[in-house]
């Protein structure tokens, strides 16, 4: 009998551990560009490759410090959120896809966008 196995079984291979997955900016003014850094480590036994980063909003750009990590290596993703045309509480997600057993990781940006008072 032959049993098919996936190339990345749970408990083996590369494994990412994010030191933080949520960044809360609190209340900020509109028309601001914010940045949040998400650090992660390959705590597995094999190399890991970050295949993609997909923010769910065109208002969010990203920068990946390096796409490949050997065991024990760390890297980071910086998300840049433009609050132009935003108002009120915002919850912006970005999905990181890697060649690990847990294929996808969700990063979250939280912010409450306010309008500055205009003094006449």
Protein backbone atom coordinates (compact mmCIF):
# COMPACT_ATOMS: atom_id res chain seq x y z
CA UNK A 1 0.00 0.00 0.00
CA UNK A 2 1.33 3.44 -0.96
CA UNK A 3 0.45 6.48 1.14
CA UNK A 4 0.81 9.89 -0.50
CA UNK A 5 2.45 12.49 1.67
CA UNK A 6 2.66 16.23 1.19
CA UNK A 7 6.18 17.62 0.75
CA UNK A 8 5.86 19.68 3.96
CA UNK A 9 4.50 17.56 6.79
CA UNK A 10 3.52 19.17 10.06
CA UNK A 11 6.45 19.22 12.45
CA UNK A 12 9.12 18.95 9.75
CA UNK A 13 10.77 21.35 7.36
CA UNK A 14 10.73 25.11 7.55
CA UNK A 15 8.45 26.81 10.04
CA UNK A 16 7.84 30.52 10.52
CA UNK A 17 7.19 32.17 13.85
CA UNK A 18 5.98 35.77 13.72
CA UNK A 19 6.98 37.85 16.73
CA UNK A 20 3.94 40.04 16.10
CA UNK A 21 0.96 39.67 13.75
CA UNK A 22 -1.11 42.72 14.77
CA UNK A 23 -0.12 46.37 14.87
CA UNK A 24 -2.56 48.89 16.40
CA UNK A 25 -1.78 52.54 15.61
CA UNK A 26 -4.62 53.87 17.75
CA UNK A 27 -6.14 57.15 16.55
CA UNK A 28 -4.27 59.10 13.86
CA UNK A 29 -5.15 61.87 11.42
CA UNK A 30 -6.19 61.24 7.84
CA UNK A 31 -3.70 61.70 4.99
CA UNK A 32 -0.87 60.05 6.91
CA UNK A 33 1.39 57.24 5.73
CA UNK A 34 1.98 54.73 8.52
CA UNK A 35 4.50 51.89 8.65
CA UNK A 36 4.50 48.73 10.74
CA UNK A 37 7.28 46.15 10.95
CA UNK A 38 6.46 42.44 11.37
CA UNK A 39 9.47 40.31 12.31
CA UNK A 40 9.55 36.54 11.79
CA UNK A 41 12.01 33.69 12.35
CA UNK A 42 12.48 30.34 10.64
CA UNK A 43 12.23 28.04 13.68
CA UNK A 44 12.14 24.91 11.52
CA UNK A 45 14.82 22.55 10.24
CA UNK A 46 14.77 23.47 6.53
CA UNK A 47 14.98 26.69 4.48
CA UNK A 48 11.80 28.74 4.00
CA UNK A 49 10.84 30.85 1.00
CA UNK A 50 8.30 33.67 1.22
CA UNK A 51 6.29 33.21 -1.96
CA UNK A 52 4.10 36.31 -1.80
CA UNK A 53 2.62 39.09 0.31
CA UNK A 54 -0.92 40.20 -0.54
CA UNK A 55 -2.39 43.29 1.19
CA UNK A 56 -6.19 43.34 0.90
CA UNK A 57 -6.26 47.07 0.13
CA UNK A 58 -4.56 49.14 -2.56
CA UNK A 59 -3.87 51.65 0.23
CA UNK A 60 -1.23 49.25 1.60
CA UNK A 61 2.21 48.58 0.13
CA UNK A 62 4.89 46.30 1.54
CA UNK A 63 8.62 45.77 1.70
CA UNK A 64 10.14 42.33 2.35
CA UNK A 65 13.65 42.34 3.82
CA UNK A 66 14.53 38.96 2.25
CA UNK A 67 12.51 36.17 0.62
CA UNK A 68 14.57 33.17 1.79
CA UNK A 69 15.49 32.15 5.32
CA UNK A 70 17.73 29.36 6.52
CA UNK A 71 16.89 27.70 9.87
CA UNK A 72 17.42 30.24 12.65
CA UNK A 73 17.37 33.25 10.30
CA UNK A 74 15.03 36.18 10.86
CA UNK A 75 13.55 38.72 8.45
CA UNK A 76 10.77 41.28 8.40
CA UNK A 77 7.93 42.66 6.35
CA UNK A 78 7.16 46.37 6.59
CA UNK A 79 3.60 47.38 5.70
CA UNK A 80 2.93 50.96 4.62
CA UNK A 81 -0.66 52.18 5.02
CA UNK A 82 -1.83 55.38 3.33
CA UNK A 83 -4.82 56.77 5.25
CA UNK A 84 -5.87 59.13 2.45
CA UNK A 85 -9.66 58.89 1.92
CA UNK A 86 -10.06 56.78 5.09
CA UNK A 87 -12.22 57.72 8.06
CA UNK A 88 -13.09 55.88 11.25
CA UNK A 89 -11.93 52.44 12.44
CA UNK A 90 -9.92 50.49 9.84
CA UNK A 91 -8.84 46.85 9.88
CA UNK A 92 -6.45 46.07 7.02
CA UNK A 93 -5.18 42.52 6.42
CA UNK A 94 -2.20 41.23 4.48
CA UNK A 95 -1.66 37.54 3.73
CA UNK A 96 1.88 36.15 3.64
CA UNK A 97 2.28 32.93 1.68
CA UNK A 98 5.32 30.70 2.36
CA UNK A 99 6.45 27.20 1.42
CA UNK A 100 5.86 25.91 4.97
CA UNK A 101 3.31 23.44 6.32
CA UNK A 102 1.17 26.36 7.50
CA UNK A 103 0.99 27.97 4.04
CA UNK A 104 -0.52 31.34 4.94
CA UNK A 105 -0.04 33.87 7.73
CA UNK A 106 -2.37 36.84 8.32
CA UNK A 107 -0.98 40.21 9.37
CA UNK A 108 -3.32 42.93 10.66
CA UNK A 109 -3.13 46.72 10.78
CA UNK A 110 -5.59 48.49 13.07
CA UNK A 111 -6.13 52.25 13.00
CA UNK A 112 -8.86 54.74 13.81
CA UNK A 113 -8.61 57.57 11.27
CA UNK A 114 -9.75 61.01 12.42
CA UNK A 115 -9.94 64.39 10.71
CA UNK A 116 -7.87 67.16 12.29
CA UNK A 117 -9.83 70.10 13.66
CA UNK A 118 -9.59 73.19 11.51
CA UNK A 119 -9.12 76.37 13.49
CA UNK A 120 -10.57 79.47 11.86
